[in-house]
Protein backbone atom coordinates (compact mmCIF):
# COMPACT_ATOMS: atom_id res chain seq x y z
CA MET A 1 -5.59 -23.19 3.93
CA SER A 2 -3.51 -25.82 2.19
CA ASP A 3 -2.91 -29.12 3.96
CA GLY A 4 -0.12 -31.45 3.00
CA GLY A 5 -2.02 -34.45 4.26
CA ARG A 6 -1.09 -37.03 6.86
CA GLU A 7 1.85 -39.20 5.96
CA GLY A 8 3.63 -41.90 7.88
CA MET A 9 7.38 -42.12 8.26
CA PRO A 10 8.97 -44.23 5.50
CA GLU A 11 10.62 -47.58 6.14
CA ARG A 12 13.97 -47.48 7.88
CA SER A 13 17.10 -47.67 5.78
CA GLY A 14 19.68 -50.49 5.76
CA LEU A 15 22.22 -51.20 8.45
CA ARG A 16 25.04 -49.87 6.25
CA ALA A 17 23.27 -46.52 6.01
CA ALA A 18 22.86 -46.55 9.79
CA PHE A 19 26.62 -46.89 10.23
CA ARG A 20 27.12 -43.97 7.87
CA GLY A 21 24.98 -41.95 10.25
CA MET A 22 27.45 -42.33 13.09
CA THR A 23 28.31 -38.93 14.56
CA THR A 24 31.76 -37.54 15.30
CA ARG A 25 31.33 -38.55 18.92
CA GLY A 26 30.46 -42.08 17.94
CA ARG A 27 33.43 -42.35 15.58
CA SER A 28 35.71 -40.96 18.28
CA PHE A 29 34.49 -43.53 20.81
CA LEU A 30 34.98 -46.32 18.27
CA ALA A 31 38.49 -45.15 17.41
CA ALA A 32 39.41 -44.76 21.06
CA GLY A 33 38.14 -48.25 21.86
CA ILE A 34 40.16 -49.82 19.03
CA ALA A 35 43.27 -47.89 20.08
CA ALA A 36 42.83 -48.99 23.71
CA ALA A 37 42.46 -52.63 22.64
CA LEU A 38 45.68 -52.47 20.60
CA CYS A 39 47.56 -50.83 23.44
CA SER A 40 46.35 -53.49 25.87
CA TYR A 41 47.70 -56.17 23.53
CA LEU A 42 51.06 -54.47 23.22
CA LEU A 43 51.37 -53.63 26.90
CA GLY A 44 49.73 -56.76 28.24
CA GLN A 45 47.13 -54.84 30.26
CA ALA A 46 43.86 -56.78 30.56
CA ASP A 47 42.04 -53.89 32.28
CA LEU A 48 42.83 -51.61 29.37
CA LEU A 49 41.35 -54.21 27.02
CA ARG A 50 38.06 -54.14 28.90
CA VAL A 51 37.98 -50.35 28.71
CA GLY A 52 38.66 -50.49 24.97
CA LEU A 53 35.93 -53.03 24.36
CA LEU A 54 33.45 -50.87 26.28
CA LEU A 55 34.38 -47.75 24.30
CA ALA A 56 34.10 -49.56 20.97
CA ALA A 57 30.89 -51.42 21.80
CA LEU A 58 28.92 -48.37 22.95
CA PRO A 59 28.59 -46.62 19.53
CA LEU A 60 28.01 -49.97 17.76
CA VAL A 61 25.17 -50.86 20.13
CA CYS A 62 23.67 -47.38 19.66
CA VAL A 63 23.74 -47.80 15.88
CA VAL A 64 22.01 -51.19 16.01
CA VAL A 65 19.38 -50.06 18.52
CA LEU A 66 18.59 -46.89 16.57
CA HIS A 67 18.41 -48.85 13.33
CA ARG A 68 15.91 -51.31 14.78
CA THR A 69 13.78 -48.62 16.38
CA ARG A 70 10.27 -48.83 14.95
CA TYR A 71 8.87 -45.35 15.33
CA ARG A 72 5.58 -44.72 13.54
CA ILE A 73 5.30 -41.00 13.04
CA ALA A 74 2.75 -39.14 10.90
CA GLY A 75 3.47 -35.65 9.62
CA SER A 76 1.54 -32.99 7.74
CA ARG A 77 2.06 -29.44 6.56
CA SER A 78 -0.37 -26.55 6.13
CA LEU A 79 0.06 -23.19 4.37
CA SER A 80 -1.89 -20.14 5.44
CA PRO A 81 -2.39 -18.74 2.90
CA ALA A 82 -1.23 -20.93 0.01
CA ARG A 83 -1.33 -17.94 -2.39
CA VAL A 84 0.39 -14.78 -1.21
CA SER A 85 1.51 -11.58 -2.90
CA ALA A 86 5.18 -10.74 -3.29
CA ALA A 87 6.90 -9.27 -0.20
CA SER A 88 4.18 -10.75 2.05
CA GLU A 89 4.56 -13.55 4.57
CA THR A 90 2.81 -16.88 4.78
CA ARG A 91 2.64 -19.15 7.81
CA VAL A 92 3.70 -22.76 7.44
CA GLY A 93 2.41 -25.13 10.14
CA LEU A 94 3.99 -28.54 10.78
CA ARG A 95 2.10 -31.23 12.65
CA LEU A 96 3.87 -34.33 13.97
CA GLU A 97 2.07 -37.25 15.63
CA ASN A 98 3.62 -40.34 17.27
CA VAL A 99 1.22 -43.15 16.34
CA SER A 100 3.39 -45.92 17.79
CA ARG A 101 3.27 -47.40 21.31
CA LEU A 102 6.79 -46.31 22.18
CA PRO A 103 7.95 -42.80 23.08
CA THR A 104 10.51 -41.28 20.77
CA GLY A 105 13.94 -40.02 21.64
CA VAL A 106 15.30 -36.64 20.64
CA LEU A 107 14.00 -35.61 17.21
CA MET A 108 15.22 -32.83 14.97
CA LEU A 109 12.56 -31.67 12.53
CA GLN A 110 13.67 -29.92 9.33
CA ASP A 111 11.67 -28.71 6.37
CA ARG A 112 13.18 -28.13 2.96
CA VAL A 113 12.47 -24.69 1.49
CA PRO A 114 13.93 -22.96 -1.59
CA TYR A 115 16.82 -20.61 -0.97
CA VAL A 116 14.80 -17.57 -2.06
CA LEU A 117 12.36 -18.16 0.84
CA GLY A 118 15.06 -18.10 3.49
CA PRO A 119 17.05 -20.62 5.57
CA ARG A 120 15.76 -24.10 6.30
CA PRO A 121 13.73 -24.13 9.53
CA ARG A 122 14.86 -26.61 12.20
CA PHE A 123 13.10 -27.63 15.40
CA ILE A 124 14.28 -29.84 18.29
CA LEU A 125 11.68 -32.10 19.92
CA ASP A 126 13.04 -33.63 23.14
CA ARG A 127 10.54 -36.45 23.49
CA VAL A 128 7.18 -37.32 21.99
CA GLU A 129 5.16 -39.70 24.11
CA ALA A 130 3.14 -42.56 22.62
CA GLY A 131 0.14 -41.05 20.85
CA GLY A 132 1.59 -37.58 21.44
CA LEU A 133 1.20 -34.62 19.13
CA ARG A 134 3.52 -31.70 18.43
CA GLU A 135 2.81 -28.62 16.33
CA VAL A 136 5.37 -26.04 15.25
CA SER A 137 5.28 -23.26 12.68
CA TYR A 138 7.52 -20.88 10.79
CA ARG A 139 7.10 -18.06 8.29
CA VAL A 140 8.47 -17.60 4.78
CA ARG A 141 8.61 -14.53 2.57
CA SER A 142 9.63 -13.92 -1.02
CA ASP A 143 10.15 -10.71 -2.97
CA LEU A 144 10.06 -12.68 -6.21
CA ARG A 145 6.86 -14.06 -7.67
CA GLY A 146 6.68 -17.71 -8.69
CA ARG A 147 5.76 -21.15 -7.42
CA TYR A 148 7.90 -22.73 -4.72
CA GLU A 149 7.86 -26.29 -3.42
CA LEU A 150 8.05 -26.76 0.34
CA GLY A 151 9.26 -30.15 1.50
CA PRO A 152 9.72 -32.96 1.89
CA LEU A 153 9.79 -32.95 5.67
CA GLN A 154 12.84 -34.55 7.28
CA LEU A 155 13.27 -36.14 10.70
CA ARG A 156 16.64 -36.71 12.28
CA LEU A 157 16.68 -39.42 14.95
CA SER A 158 19.47 -39.69 17.52
CA ASP A 159 20.26 -41.99 20.42
CA PRO A 160 20.45 -40.65 24.02
CA PHE A 161 24.29 -40.66 23.91
CA GLY A 162 24.56 -38.81 20.61
CA MET A 163 26.55 -41.60 18.97
CA CYS A 164 24.39 -41.93 15.85
CA GLU A 165 21.95 -39.85 13.86
CA LEU A 166 19.61 -41.14 11.16
CA THR A 167 17.72 -38.92 8.72
CA ARG A 168 14.40 -40.11 7.39
CA SER A 169 12.32 -38.13 4.91
CA PHE A 170 8.68 -37.97 4.06
CA THR A 171 7.73 -37.81 0.40
CA THR A 172 4.98 -35.20 0.10
CA PHE A 173 5.46 -31.51 -0.52
CA ASP A 174 3.25 -28.43 -0.85
CA THR A 175 3.34 -25.57 -3.33
CA LEU A 176 3.43 -21.92 -2.32
CA THR A 177 2.31 -19.50 -5.04
CA VAL A 178 3.72 -15.98 -4.83
CA VAL A 179 1.67 -13.68 -7.06
CA PRO A 180 2.55 -10.11 -8.14
CA ARG A 181 1.81 -7.28 -5.77
CA VAL A 182 -1.57 -5.70 -6.47
CA GLU A 183 -2.04 -1.94 -6.18
CA PRO A 184 -5.54 -0.62 -5.49
CA LEU A 185 -6.75 1.63 -8.30
CA PRO A 186 -9.29 4.45 -8.21
CA ALA A 187 -12.63 4.26 -10.00
CA VAL A 188 -12.48 6.54 -13.03
CA GLY A 189 -14.73 7.20 -16.01
CA LEU A 190 -12.72 7.06 -19.22
CA ALA A 191 -13.96 9.43 -21.91
CA GLY A 192 -14.79 7.90 -25.25
CA GLU A 193 -15.76 4.52 -23.83
CA ALA A 194 -17.40 2.14 -26.23
CA ALA A 195 -20.86 0.75 -25.86
CA GLY A 196 -20.93 -1.92 -23.28
CA TYR A 197 -19.40 0.14 -20.45
CA GLY A 198 -21.10 1.22 -17.28
CA ASP A 199 -24.63 2.45 -17.83
CA GLY A 200 -24.19 2.02 -21.57
CA ARG A 201 -23.88 -1.75 -21.46
CA GLN A 202 -25.46 -3.52 -24.36
CA ARG A 203 -28.37 -5.83 -23.87
CA SER A 204 -28.95 -8.91 -25.98
CA PRO A 205 -31.70 -11.51 -26.01
CA ALA A 206 -31.02 -14.83 -24.36
CA LEU A 207 -31.04 -16.63 -27.72
CA THR A 208 -31.32 -15.31 -31.23
CA GLY A 209 -34.11 -16.27 -33.60
CA GLU A 210 -37.79 -16.89 -32.97
CA ASP A 211 -37.45 -20.66 -33.31
CA ASP A 212 -34.60 -20.86 -30.80
CA LEU A 213 -36.43 -18.84 -28.16
CA ILE A 214 -36.75 -20.56 -24.76
CA PRO A 215 -39.78 -19.02 -22.99
CA ARG A 216 -40.67 -19.29 -19.32
CA GLY A 217 -43.90 -19.41 -17.39
CA TYR A 218 -45.91 -16.27 -16.81
CA ARG A 219 -45.28 -14.51 -13.49
CA HIS A 220 -47.42 -11.94 -11.76
CA GLY A 221 -46.43 -8.51 -13.02
CA ASP A 222 -45.02 -9.63 -16.38
CA ASP A 223 -45.86 -7.40 -19.33
CA LEU A 224 -48.57 -9.05 -21.43
CA ARG A 225 -46.84 -7.79 -24.56
CA ARG A 226 -44.10 -10.33 -23.90
CA VAL A 227 -46.51 -13.30 -24.02
CA HIS A 228 -45.32 -15.89 -26.54
CA TRP A 229 -48.60 -17.22 -27.96
CA ARG A 230 -47.14 -20.14 -29.88
CA SER A 231 -45.54 -21.55 -26.72
CA THR A 232 -48.69 -20.77 -24.74
CA ALA A 233 -50.73 -22.88 -27.13
CA ARG A 234 -48.17 -25.68 -26.97
CA HIS A 235 -47.92 -25.81 -23.14
CA GLY A 236 -51.49 -24.91 -22.27
CA GLU A 237 -50.45 -22.02 -20.00
CA LEU A 238 -49.24 -18.47 -20.42
CA MET A 239 -45.58 -18.37 -21.51
CA VAL A 240 -43.51 -15.19 -21.87
CA ARG A 241 -40.28 -14.41 -23.61
CA ARG A 242 -37.20 -14.27 -21.41
CA GLU A 243 -35.87 -10.85 -20.47
CA GLU A 244 -32.98 -9.48 -22.42
CA GLN A 245 -29.70 -10.26 -20.70
CA PRO A 246 -27.10 -7.55 -20.07
CA GLN A 247 -23.91 -8.12 -22.01
CA LYS A 248 -20.82 -7.86 -19.79
CA ALA A 249 -18.31 -5.18 -20.64
CA ARG A 250 -15.21 -6.72 -22.18
CA CYS A 251 -11.63 -5.81 -21.44
CA THR A 252 -8.29 -7.15 -22.61
CA VAL A 253 -5.12 -6.54 -20.59
CA LEU A 254 -2.15 -6.81 -22.95
CA LEU A 255 1.22 -7.61 -21.37
CA ASP A 256 4.36 -7.18 -23.45
CA THR A 257 6.76 -9.91 -22.25
CA ARG A 258 9.41 -9.61 -24.97
CA LEU A 259 12.92 -10.03 -23.61
CA SER A 260 14.20 -7.39 -26.03
CA ALA A 261 11.69 -4.84 -24.71
CA HIS A 262 12.74 -4.99 -21.06
CA ALA A 263 16.10 -4.51 -19.40
CA GLY A 264 17.32 -6.02 -16.15
CA THR A 265 15.88 -8.52 -13.70
CA GLY A 266 14.80 -8.54 -10.10
CA PRO A 267 11.82 -7.20 -8.15
CA ASP A 268 12.55 -3.57 -9.15
CA SER A 269 13.01 -4.23 -12.87
CA PRO A 270 10.72 -2.70 -15.54
CA PHE A 271 9.33 -6.11 -16.45
CA GLU A 272 8.22 -6.80 -12.87
CA TRP A 273 6.55 -3.39 -12.78
CA ALA A 274 4.61 -4.30 -15.91
CA VAL A 275 3.56 -7.68 -14.50
CA ALA A 276 2.39 -6.09 -11.24
CA GLY A 277 0.55 -3.42 -13.23
CA ALA A 278 -1.24 -6.02 -15.35
CA ALA A 279 -2.30 -7.89 -12.20
CA SER A 280 -3.58 -4.70 -10.54
CA MET A 281 -5.50 -3.63 -13.63
CA ALA A 282 -7.07 -7.06 -14.20
CA LEU A 283 -8.32 -7.35 -10.62
CA HIS A 284 -9.55 -3.76 -10.59
CA LEU A 285 -11.69 -4.31 -13.69
CA LEU A 286 -12.93 -7.71 -12.51
CA GLU A 287 -14.21 -6.11 -9.33
CA ARG A 288 -16.22 -3.71 -11.46
CA GLY A 289 -17.97 -6.39 -13.46
CA PHE A 290 -15.79 -6.53 -16.55
CA SER A 291 -15.09 -9.73 -18.42
CA VAL A 292 -11.29 -9.62 -18.38
CA ARG A 293 -8.79 -11.67 -20.29
CA LEU A 294 -4.99 -11.49 -20.21
CA LEU A 295 -3.17 -11.43 -23.55
CA THR A 296 0.60 -11.59 -24.06
CA ASP A 297 2.77 -10.80 -27.05
CA THR A 298 2.93 -14.54 -27.81
CA GLY A 299 -0.81 -14.54 -28.58
CA THR A 300 -1.65 -16.61 -25.50
CA ALA A 301 -4.91 -15.53 -23.86
CA VAL A 302 -6.14 -16.34 -20.34
CA PRO A 303 -8.91 -17.40 -19.67
CA GLY A 304 -9.19 -17.49 -23.45
CA PRO A 305 -11.40 -15.97 -26.13
CA ASP A 306 -14.32 -18.25 -25.35
CA GLY A 307 -13.99 -18.63 -21.59
CA ALA A 308 -13.74 -15.02 -20.50
CA GLY A 309 -17.44 -14.35 -20.36
CA GLY A 310 -18.46 -17.46 -18.46
CA THR A 311 -15.80 -17.47 -15.75
CA GLU A 312 -16.82 -16.32 -12.30
CA ALA A 313 -14.97 -13.24 -11.05
CA ALA A 314 -13.28 -15.05 -8.14
CA ASP A 315 -12.16 -17.94 -10.35
CA ALA A 316 -11.00 -15.58 -13.07
CA ALA A 317 -8.99 -13.54 -10.55
CA GLY A 318 -7.28 -16.66 -9.21
CA LEU A 319 -6.52 -17.91 -12.73
CA LEU A 320 -5.07 -14.57 -13.82
CA LEU A 321 -2.92 -14.23 -10.69
CA ASP A 322 -1.61 -17.78 -11.00
CA THR A 323 -0.74 -17.12 -14.63
CA LEU A 324 1.04 -13.86 -13.85
CA ALA A 325 2.93 -15.55 -11.01
CA MET A 326 4.63 -17.81 -13.57
CA VAL A 327 4.84 -15.55 -16.63
CA GLU A 328 8.33 -15.26 -18.06
CA GLN A 329 9.96 -13.10 -20.68
CA SER A 330 9.52 -14.44 -24.18
CA GLU A 331 11.82 -14.63 -27.19
CA GLU A 332 9.20 -13.09 -29.48
CA GLY A 333 10.52 -10.47 -31.84
CA GLY A 334 7.33 -8.46 -32.14
CA LEU A 335 3.67 -7.93 -31.27
CA SER A 336 2.14 -9.47 -34.40
CA ALA A 337 0.82 -12.56 -32.56
CA ALA A 338 -1.00 -10.36 -30.04
CA TYR A 339 -2.43 -8.24 -32.87
CA ASP A 340 -3.78 -11.35 -34.60
CA ALA A 341 -5.34 -12.57 -31.33
CA LEU A 342 -7.42 -9.42 -30.93
CA ARG A 343 -10.94 -9.77 -32.24
CA GLY A 344 -11.79 -7.00 -34.67
CA GLY A 345 -13.80 -4.26 -33.02
CA THR A 346 -15.16 -6.41 -30.17
CA GLU A 347 -12.51 -5.92 -27.48
CA GLY A 348 -14.16 -3.02 -25.68
CA LEU A 349 -11.47 -1.63 -23.37
CA LEU A 350 -7.85 -2.45 -24.21
CA VAL A 351 -5.15 -1.75 -21.61
CA GLY A 352 -1.59 -2.36 -22.76
CA PHE A 353 1.60 -2.59 -20.73
CA PHE A 354 4.40 -2.15 -23.24
CA GLY A 355 8.16 -2.32 -22.93
CA GLU A 356 10.53 -0.57 -25.29
CA LEU A 357 8.93 -0.05 -28.72
CA ASP A 358 10.85 0.46 -31.91
CA GLU A 359 9.21 2.12 -34.89
CA GLU A 360 7.93 -1.13 -36.37
CA GLN A 361 6.39 -2.42 -33.14
CA ALA A 362 4.92 0.97 -32.34
CA ALA A 363 3.14 0.81 -35.70
CA VAL A 364 1.77 -2.66 -34.84
CA ALA A 365 0.58 -1.38 -31.46
CA ALA A 366 -1.03 1.61 -33.16
CA ARG A 367 -3.07 -0.71 -35.42
CA MET A 368 -4.37 -2.54 -32.33
CA ARG A 369 -6.44 0.55 -31.57
CA GLN A 370 -8.67 -0.30 -34.55
CA ARG A 371 -9.66 -3.56 -32.86
CA SER A 372 -10.87 -2.07 -29.58
CA GLY A 373 -13.12 0.58 -28.14
CA THR A 374 -11.10 2.63 -25.68
CA ALA A 375 -7.35 1.92 -25.60
CA VAL A 376 -4.93 2.89 -22.84
CA ALA A 377 -1.19 2.24 -23.13
CA PHE A 378 1.45 2.37 -20.40
CA VAL A 379 4.83 2.50 -22.15
CA LEU A 380 8.10 2.13 -20.27
CA ASP A 381 10.23 5.27 -20.53
CA GLY A 382 13.59 3.71 -21.39
CA ASP A 383 15.53 6.94 -20.83
CA ALA A 384 14.09 7.41 -17.33
CA TRP A 385 14.78 3.78 -16.36
CA SER A 386 18.35 4.08 -17.63
CA ARG A 387 18.92 7.10 -15.37
CA GLY A 388 17.24 5.41 -12.39
CA VAL A 389 18.79 3.77 -9.36
CA GLY A 390 18.85 0.33 -10.96
CA GLY A 391 20.75 1.56 -14.01
CA PHE A 392 18.68 -0.52 -16.47
CA ARG A 393 20.10 -0.09 -19.96
CA PHE A 394 17.72 0.58 -22.83
CA SER A 395 18.79 1.19 -26.40
CA ASP A 396 16.04 3.74 -26.92
CA GLY A 397 16.42 7.39 -25.92
CA GLY A 398 13.98 9.92 -24.56
CA VAL A 399 13.39 11.59 -27.93
CA ARG A 400 12.55 8.29 -29.61
CA SER A 401 10.28 7.38 -26.71
CA ALA A 402 8.37 10.60 -27.28
CA ASP A 403 8.01 9.70 -30.96
CA ARG A 404 6.54 6.29 -30.06
CA LEU A 405 4.04 7.89 -27.69
CA ARG A 406 3.06 10.36 -30.40
CA MET A 407 2.45 7.50 -32.86
CA LEU A 408 0.16 5.76 -30.39
CA ARG A 409 -1.76 8.93 -29.56
CA GLU A 410 -2.28 9.76 -33.22
CA ALA A 411 -3.78 6.28 -33.63
CA GLY A 412 -6.26 6.95 -30.81
CA TRP A 413 -4.43 5.46 -27.82
CA THR A 414 -4.30 7.20 -24.47
CA ALA A 415 -0.55 6.65 -24.09
CA LEU A 416 1.41 7.47 -20.95
CA PRO A 417 5.12 6.95 -20.17
CA VAL A 418 6.17 4.93 -17.13
CA ALA A 419 9.17 6.10 -15.11
CA PRO A 420 10.78 4.30 -12.13
CA GLY A 421 8.74 4.60 -8.96
CA THR A 422 5.62 5.71 -10.81
CA SER A 423 2.35 4.78 -9.12
CA LEU A 424 -0.10 2.96 -11.37
CA ALA A 425 -2.97 4.65 -9.52
CA ASP A 426 -1.63 8.08 -10.58
CA LEU A 427 -1.19 6.88 -14.15
CA TRP A 428 -4.75 5.54 -14.18
CA ARG A 429 -6.07 8.94 -13.10
CA SER A 430 -3.92 10.61 -15.75
CA ALA A 431 -5.34 8.25 -18.36
CA ASP A 432 -8.81 9.38 -17.34
CA ARG A 433 -7.84 13.03 -17.68
CA ALA A 434 -6.02 12.47 -20.96
CA GLY A 435 -9.15 10.83 -22.37
CA VAL A 436 -10.86 14.27 -22.34
CA HIS A 437 -8.09 15.80 -24.43
CA PRO A 438 -7.01 13.24 -27.02
CA GLU A 439 -4.23 15.54 -28.32
CA PRO A 440 -2.29 16.82 -25.26
CA ARG A 441 0.79 18.98 -25.58
CA ALA A 442 4.01 17.11 -26.33
CA GLU A 443 5.60 17.88 -22.99
CA ALA A 444 2.48 16.76 -21.14
CA GLY A 445 3.21 13.18 -22.20
CA PHE A 446 5.96 12.99 -19.56
CA SER A 447 3.84 14.26 -16.68
CA THR A 448 1.62 11.97 -14.68
CA THR A 449 0.11 14.74 -12.56
CA ALA A 450 -1.16 17.21 -15.16
CA ALA A 451 -3.88 19.46 -13.77
CA THR A 452 -7.33 19.20 -15.28
CA ALA A 453 -10.70 20.73 -14.59
CA PRO A 454 -13.49 18.66 -13.03
CA ARG A 455 -15.77 17.02 -15.55
CA THR A 456 -18.60 14.57 -15.92
CA ALA A 457 -17.55 11.21 -17.34
CA ALA A 458 -19.11 10.37 -20.67
CA GLY A 459 -19.16 6.68 -19.94
CA GLY A 460 -19.76 4.58 -16.84
CA ARG A 461 -17.30 4.23 -13.98
CA ALA A 462 -14.42 1.87 -14.69
């Protein structure tokens, strides 16, 4: 729940601005009054002059009275939830409180929202008594990920005769974060997993070196072989060495954001598929205890090379989703920065979401396999996307795409093509099956539902 806070209505504007707020009805009354006064002078009709003065005075009095009205109104906004996935709705609640001693007149409440979230919501409040409270709500929805500012809240005041309307705005706003859609993925056991996965996780001592060891007090049931005699003599009580700590399995999700590697825009574009796939994969592996970081072709890593292991899963998931909500296509010409950011041989699992790869970039991606344990690549099939409903234009053809996949597979990647409408869950299962047969037939590279016999995973469940 996100709360915009409680804010009072700002100070009223000048009298000149109040006159600018005169409605069409008010201007018509004023014009009719002036015309009647002129006609009374020309025709010598005193009664017509009184009528003209009444018509002209009514809107002027309404303007002055509305300008001097001292309403004290507090408003707040709440978002539930403040972070929502694309194509999902969020509820926006508006709370208005009259903290003055006078009842208000007719109020029109309007909240500013970006165009992509829909039309501006408007509410009419007939009368709010002194100390009264009104609560209204509306819903917004976006098919495009990003961060959107809601507000500021606007109040339109009007007199009982409708002669004048004044708009007064609050100053605070709230931010709605629309993250990529996340697809649930099945638990699979990838063949050829490196040490550090599942049951094969490495274990390391709490600190290295005998002098740096931090012992703890002896507990009932501790193995006497772990007694640290030097610390026991120093503290005067039995001290034992700390247990070895399990080392978390590491995973890097690589997202290719190059503008030249993706064609088209919009929620159904190849780039948005890759962003949603990276989000789904990152959350899936976080739920299974992996230490996950997001790496882009620019070399930027989130949470970072040093912060991945110490970030709680919930915080890491929120950080990754917020980052992917705002990720944009880059002007990078290649994947060299991402290759340099990979730590040699210590990445564990590497999952790449690639766009269109030319021969040079496919060679760079192939070398990335040397800096990881198990490597899985999802490569956009440019020929299939060009033939799809969206008509996205790629310069690469199907034959060249097959060559790129072959280069990755020869380097040790489990490489699968991505066609429009392909489910990431099916691709993830296919990656598991392809891990058993590192050299599948050439035509099998374009099938995401290849049959395979049941097996026992060599590694843990991912």
